[in-house]
């Protein structure tokens, strides 16, 4: 059952989502630091085979993603069960992926980092040392299903510097309101 957006539950876990290059890891680490919460990056939950596939410029399919999403969901569920606040980075491009990782728990809140393809492509062109090549950006935008109001997301644009984006997220979390 999806969370009821009319019920205000303080988040225990934030899932920072968006396409590759939108700043998820940077912003999520800043948010976790400012809130004093545990930080985890969903990239660390990928299998070696999936990382190799992406490095070769091959987009993952749902069969590749299923065990990855299950590992992230288990990590999030453990944090919720332990009442241990955390921030998780996960692209979460499709609604069904977000439904899997949040488990429908109202204390898990989606943070969508929204940006134009042009802006994000420019950032990816400057990024070095990441396994996700810029050539896969089109597949990311093709797969993207932005979160709807029933998911009660915090939506923040990515045109500003990471510090300002993180401040906007922290402000929304502390205010307990949607974007």
C-alpha atoms as a PDB file:
ATOM      1  CA  UNK A   1       0.000   0.000   0.000  1.00  0.00           C
ATOM      2  CA  UNK A   2       1.485   3.413  -0.917  1.00  0.00           C
ATOM      3  CA  UNK A   3       2.035   5.901   1.875  1.00  0.00           C
ATOM      4  CA  UNK A   4      -0.817   8.305   2.584  1.00  0.00           C
ATOM      5  CA  UNK A   5       0.530  11.785   1.726  1.00  0.00           C
ATOM      6  CA  UNK A   6      -1.930  13.332   4.175  1.00  0.00           C
ATOM      7  CA  UNK A   7      -0.292  11.548   7.120  1.00  0.00           C
ATOM      8  CA  UNK A   8       2.797  13.321   8.385  1.00  0.00           C
ATOM      9  CA  UNK A   9       5.416  10.876   9.642  1.00  0.00           C
ATOM     10  CA  UNK A  10       8.906  12.141  10.350  1.00  0.00           C
ATOM     11  CA  UNK A  11      11.276  10.403   7.971  1.00  0.00           C
ATOM     12  CA  UNK A  12      13.682   7.820   9.329  1.00  0.00           C
ATOM     13  CA  UNK A  13      15.238   7.098   5.956  1.00  0.00           C
ATOM     14  CA  UNK A  14      15.641   9.441   3.017  1.00  0.00           C
ATOM     15  CA  UNK A  15      16.154   7.907  -0.431  1.00  0.00           C
ATOM     16  CA  UNK A  16      17.899  10.434  -2.668  1.00  0.00           C
ATOM     17  CA  UNK A  17      17.030   9.591  -6.273  1.00  0.00           C
ATOM     18  CA  UNK A  18      17.533  10.901  -9.794  1.00  0.00           C
ATOM     19  CA  UNK A  19      19.465  10.208 -12.960  1.00  0.00           C
ATOM     20  CA  UNK A  20      23.202   9.624 -12.982  1.00  0.00           C
ATOM     21  CA  UNK A  21      25.115  12.873 -12.626  1.00  0.00           C
ATOM     22  CA  UNK A  22      22.394  14.846 -10.822  1.00  0.00           C
ATOM     23  CA  UNK A  23      24.481  14.963  -7.638  1.00  0.00           C
ATOM     24  CA  UNK A  24      22.796  12.247  -5.579  1.00  0.00           C
ATOM     25  CA  UNK A  25      25.875  11.032  -3.710  1.00  0.00           C
ATOM     26  CA  UNK A  26      27.255  14.499  -3.026  1.00  0.00           C
ATOM     27  CA  UNK A  27      23.939  15.930  -1.839  1.00  0.00           C
ATOM     28  CA  UNK A  28      22.988  12.837   0.170  1.00  0.00           C
ATOM     29  CA  UNK A  29      26.356  12.846   1.986  1.00  0.00           C
ATOM     30  CA  UNK A  30      25.877  16.518   2.843  1.00  0.00           C
ATOM     31  CA  UNK A  31      22.316  15.907   4.054  1.00  0.00           C
ATOM     32  CA  UNK A  32      23.396  12.919   6.165  1.00  0.00           C
ATOM     33  CA  UNK A  33      26.201  14.984   7.679  1.00  0.00           C
ATOM     34  CA  UNK A  34      23.948  17.904   8.520  1.00  0.00           C
ATOM     35  CA  UNK A  35      21.303  15.660  10.079  1.00  0.00           C
ATOM     36  CA  UNK A  36      23.837  13.385  11.797  1.00  0.00           C
ATOM     37  CA  UNK A  37      22.345  10.344  10.033  1.00  0.00           C
ATOM     38  CA  UNK A  38      24.048   7.278   8.537  1.00  0.00           C
ATOM     39  CA  UNK A  39      24.914   7.544   4.834  1.00  0.00           C
ATOM     40  CA  UNK A  40      24.858   4.716   2.286  1.00  0.00           C
ATOM     41  CA  UNK A  41      25.366   4.808  -1.461  1.00  0.00           C
ATOM     42  CA  UNK A  42      23.287   2.397  -3.520  1.00  0.00           C
ATOM     43  CA  UNK A  43      26.167   2.099  -5.984  1.00  0.00           C
ATOM     44  CA  UNK A  44      27.965   0.075  -3.306  1.00  0.00           C
ATOM     45  CA  UNK A  45      25.133  -2.481  -3.411  1.00  0.00           C
ATOM     46  CA  UNK A  46      25.661  -3.333  -7.121  1.00  0.00           C
ATOM     47  CA  UNK A  47      27.176  -6.679  -8.020  1.00  0.00           C
ATOM     48  CA  UNK A  48      30.563  -6.726  -9.735  1.00  0.00           C
ATOM     49  CA  UNK A  49      28.808  -8.061 -12.846  1.00  0.00           C
ATOM     50  CA  UNK A  50      26.436  -5.099 -12.970  1.00  0.00           C
ATOM     51  CA  UNK A  51      29.254  -2.601 -12.512  1.00  0.00           C
ATOM     52  CA  UNK A  52      31.195  -4.265 -15.349  1.00  0.00           C
ATOM     53  CA  UNK A  53      28.111  -4.134 -17.561  1.00  0.00           C
ATOM     54  CA  UNK A  54      27.644  -0.401 -16.935  1.00  0.00           C
ATOM     55  CA  UNK A  55      31.356   0.279 -17.449  1.00  0.00           C
ATOM     56  CA  UNK A  56      30.971  -1.386 -20.852  1.00  0.00           C
ATOM     57  CA  UNK A  57      28.169   1.069 -21.672  1.00  0.00           C
ATOM     58  CA  UNK A  58      25.382  -1.513 -21.365  1.00  0.00           C
ATOM     59  CA  UNK A  59      22.308  -0.377 -19.415  1.00  0.00           C
ATOM     60  CA  UNK A  60      21.096  -2.702 -16.681  1.00  0.00           C
ATOM     61  CA  UNK A  61      17.827  -4.544 -17.198  1.00  0.00           C
ATOM     62  CA  UNK A  62      15.275  -5.474 -14.557  1.00  0.00           C
ATOM     63  CA  UNK A  63      16.887  -8.883 -14.008  1.00  0.00           C
ATOM     64  CA  UNK A  64      20.165  -7.085 -13.168  1.00  0.00           C
ATOM     65  CA  UNK A  65      18.392  -4.614 -10.904  1.00  0.00           C
ATOM     66  CA  UNK A  66      16.214  -7.034  -8.901  1.00  0.00           C
ATOM     67  CA  UNK A  67      18.920  -8.347  -6.522  1.00  0.00           C
ATOM     68  CA  UNK A  68      20.407  -4.853  -6.199  1.00  0.00           C
ATOM     69  CA  UNK A  69      17.045  -3.364  -5.247  1.00  0.00           C
ATOM     70  CA  UNK A  70      16.438  -6.240  -2.807  1.00  0.00           C
ATOM     71  CA  UNK A  71      19.758  -5.502  -1.051  1.00  0.00           C
ATOM     72  CA  UNK A  72      18.891  -1.805  -0.785  1.00  0.00           C
ATOM     73  CA  UNK A  73      15.361  -2.609   0.447  1.00  0.00           C
ATOM     74  CA  UNK A  74      16.752  -4.918   3.138  1.00  0.00           C
ATOM     75  CA  UNK A  75      19.209  -2.248   4.285  1.00  0.00           C
ATOM     76  CA  UNK A  76      16.430   0.362   4.479  1.00  0.00           C
ATOM     77  CA  UNK A  77      14.035  -2.022   6.269  1.00  0.00           C
ATOM     78  CA  UNK A  78      16.727  -2.767   8.852  1.00  0.00           C
ATOM     79  CA  UNK A  79      17.209   0.968   9.494  1.00  0.00           C
ATOM     80  CA  UNK A  80      13.474   1.510   9.889  1.00  0.00           C
ATOM     81  CA  UNK A  81      13.123  -1.507  12.205  1.00  0.00           C
ATOM     82  CA  UNK A  82      16.004  -0.224  14.346  1.00  0.00           C
ATOM     83  CA  UNK A  83      14.733   3.390  14.290  1.00  0.00           C
ATOM     84  CA  UNK A  84      18.172   4.303  12.932  1.00  0.00           C
ATOM     85  CA  UNK A  85      17.940   7.410  10.712  1.00  0.00           C
ATOM     86  CA  UNK A  86      19.779   7.145   7.406  1.00  0.00           C
ATOM     87  CA  UNK A  87      20.188   8.609   3.952  1.00  0.00           C
ATOM     88  CA  UNK A  88      20.406   6.170   1.016  1.00  0.00           C
ATOM     89  CA  UNK A  89      21.411   7.056  -2.534  1.00  0.00           C
ATOM     90  CA  UNK A  90      19.539   5.098  -5.193  1.00  0.00           C
ATOM     91  CA  UNK A  91      18.663   6.156  -8.730  1.00  0.00           C
ATOM     92  CA  UNK A  92      15.111   4.839  -8.187  1.00  0.00           C
ATOM     93  CA  UNK A  93      14.163   5.858 -11.708  1.00  0.00           C
ATOM     94  CA  UNK A  94      10.951   3.827 -11.956  1.00  0.00           C
ATOM     95  CA  UNK A  95       8.024   3.864  -9.572  1.00  0.00           C
ATOM     96  CA  UNK A  96       8.157   0.093  -9.085  1.00  0.00           C
ATOM     97  CA  UNK A  97      11.816   0.359  -8.037  1.00  0.00           C
ATOM     98  CA  UNK A  98      10.946   2.998  -5.440  1.00  0.00           C
ATOM     99  CA  UNK A  99       8.016   0.887  -4.227  1.00  0.00           C
ATOM    100  CA  UNK A 100      10.422  -2.030  -3.758  1.00  0.00           C
ATOM    101  CA  UNK A 101      13.054  -0.120  -1.820  1.00  0.00           C
ATOM    102  CA  UNK A 102      10.695   1.922   0.369  1.00  0.00           C
ATOM    103  CA  UNK A 103       8.489  -1.042   1.193  1.00  0.00           C
ATOM    104  CA  UNK A 104       5.564   1.384   1.378  1.00  0.00           C
ATOM    105  CA  UNK A 105       6.774   2.541   4.787  1.00  0.00           C
ATOM    106  CA  UNK A 106       5.656   6.109   5.536  1.00  0.00           C
ATOM    107  CA  UNK A 107       8.912   6.798   7.413  1.00  0.00           C
ATOM    108  CA  UNK A 108      10.890   6.340   4.181  1.00  0.00           C
ATOM    109  CA  UNK A 109      10.856   9.563   2.188  1.00  0.00           C
ATOM    110  CA  UNK A 110      11.892  10.042  -1.444  1.00  0.00           C
ATOM    111  CA  UNK A 111      14.090  13.041  -2.317  1.00  0.00           C
ATOM    112  CA  UNK A 112      14.038  13.637  -6.066  1.00  0.00           C
ATOM    113  CA  UNK A 113      16.921  15.658  -7.481  1.00  0.00           C
ATOM    114  CA  UNK A 114      15.455  17.113 -10.641  1.00  0.00           C
ATOM    115  CA  UNK A 115      17.491  18.583 -13.465  1.00  0.00           C
ATOM    116  CA  UNK A 116      17.484  19.092 -17.195  1.00  0.00           C
ATOM    117  CA  UNK A 117      19.249  16.704 -19.528  1.00  0.00           C
ATOM    118  CA  UNK A 118      21.478  19.566 -20.742  1.00  0.00           C
ATOM    119  CA  UNK A 119      22.667  20.501 -17.241  1.00  0.00           C
ATOM    120  CA  UNK A 120      23.263  16.905 -16.171  1.00  0.00           C
ATOM    121  CA  UNK A 121      25.049  15.991 -19.422  1.00  0.00           C
ATOM    122  CA  UNK A 122      27.438  18.900 -18.831  1.00  0.00           C
ATOM    123  CA  UNK A 123      28.153  17.638 -15.316  1.00  0.00           C
ATOM    124  CA  UNK A 124      28.717  14.081 -16.512  1.00  0.00           C
ATOM    125  CA  UNK A 125      31.178  15.329 -19.120  1.00  0.00           C
ATOM    126  CA  UNK A 126      33.283  16.808 -16.296  1.00  0.00           C
ATOM    127  CA  UNK A 127      33.056  13.782 -13.985  1.00  0.00           C
ATOM    128  CA  UNK A 128      35.976  11.377 -13.907  1.00  0.00           C
ATOM    129  CA  UNK A 129      36.442   8.011 -12.264  1.00  0.00           C
ATOM    130  CA  UNK A 130      32.807   6.888 -12.078  1.00  0.00           C
ATOM    131  CA  UNK A 131      31.697   3.563 -13.537  1.00  0.00           C
ATOM    132  CA  UNK A 132      28.581   5.073 -15.156  1.00  0.00           C
ATOM    133  CA  UNK A 133      29.582   6.472 -18.565  1.00  0.00           C
ATOM    134  CA  UNK A 134      27.885   9.622 -19.916  1.00  0.00           C
ATOM    135  CA  UNK A 135      26.664   7.577 -22.899  1.00  0.00           C
ATOM    136  CA  UNK A 136      24.056   5.943 -20.640  1.00  0.00           C
ATOM    137  CA  UNK A 137      22.389   9.250 -19.714  1.00  0.00           C
ATOM    138  CA  UNK A 138      19.769   8.901 -22.458  1.00  0.00           C
ATOM    139  CA  UNK A 139      18.743   5.500 -21.090  1.00  0.00           C
ATOM    140  CA  UNK A 140      18.457   7.059 -17.619  1.00  0.00           C
ATOM    141  CA  UNK A 141      16.109   9.792 -18.825  1.00  0.00           C
ATOM    142  CA  UNK A 142      14.129   7.261 -20.898  1.00  0.00           C
ATOM    143  CA  UNK A 143      13.578   5.153 -17.769  1.00  0.00           C
ATOM    144  CA  UNK A 144      12.821   8.084 -15.447  1.00  0.00           C
ATOM    145  CA  UNK A 145       9.348   8.183 -13.929  1.00  0.00           C
ATOM    146  CA  UNK A 146       9.397  11.246 -11.668  1.00  0.00           C
ATOM    147  CA  UNK A 147       7.730  10.613  -8.318  1.00  0.00           C
ATOM    148  CA  UNK A 148       4.081  11.585  -8.114  1.00  0.00           C
ATOM    149  CA  UNK A 149       2.338  13.462  -5.306  1.00  0.00           C
ATOM    150  CA  UNK A 150       1.105  10.198  -3.785  1.00  0.00           C
ATOM    151  CA  UNK A 151       4.764   9.323  -3.068  1.00  0.00           C
ATOM    152  CA  UNK A 152       5.085  12.485  -0.938  1.00  0.00           C
ATOM    153  CA  UNK A 153       8.469  13.360  -2.439  1.00  0.00           C
ATOM    154  CA  UNK A 154      10.772  16.198  -1.576  1.00  0.00           C
ATOM    155  CA  UNK A 155      11.629  17.631  -4.998  1.00  0.00           C
ATOM    156  CA  UNK A 156      14.676  19.849  -5.336  1.00  0.00           C
ATOM    157  CA  UNK A 157      16.191  21.300  -8.494  1.00  0.00           C
ATOM    158  CA  UNK A 158      19.885  20.696  -9.087  1.00  0.00           C
ATOM    159  CA  UNK A 159      20.902  23.969 -10.726  1.00  0.00           C
ATOM    160  CA  UNK A 160      22.256  25.364  -7.438  1.00  0.00           C
ATOM    161  CA  UNK A 161      25.516  24.293  -5.745  1.00  0.00           C
ATOM    162  CA  UNK A 162      25.329  21.084  -3.661  1.00  0.00           C
ATOM    163  CA  UNK A 163      25.421  22.987  -0.340  1.00  0.00           C
ATOM    164  CA  UNK A 164      22.285  24.904  -1.282  1.00  0.00           C
ATOM    165  CA  UNK A 165      20.526  21.777  -2.543  1.00  0.00           C
ATOM    166  CA  UNK A 166      21.371  19.953   0.696  1.00  0.00           C
ATOM    167  CA  UNK A 167      20.132  22.924   2.739  1.00  0.00           C
ATOM    168  CA  UNK A 168      16.809  22.825   0.876  1.00  0.00           C
ATOM    169  CA  UNK A 169      16.437  19.098   1.578  1.00  0.00           C
ATOM    170  CA  UNK A 170      17.293  19.492   5.275  1.00  0.00           C
ATOM    171  CA  UNK A 171      14.864  22.387   5.548  1.00  0.00           C
ATOM    172  CA  UNK A 172      12.059  20.309   3.994  1.00  0.00           C
ATOM    173  CA  UNK A 173      12.829  17.363   6.300  1.00  0.00           C
ATOM    174  CA  UNK A 174      12.833  19.547   9.387  1.00  0.00           C
ATOM    175  CA  UNK A 175       9.633  21.284   8.289  1.00  0.00           C
ATOM    176  CA  UNK A 176       8.021  17.903   7.643  1.00  0.00           C
ATOM    177  CA  UNK A 177       6.509  19.136   4.417  1.00  0.00           C
ATOM    178  CA  UNK A 178       6.630  18.112   0.774  1.00  0.00           C
ATOM    179  CA  UNK A 179       8.876  20.111  -1.569  1.00  0.00           C
END
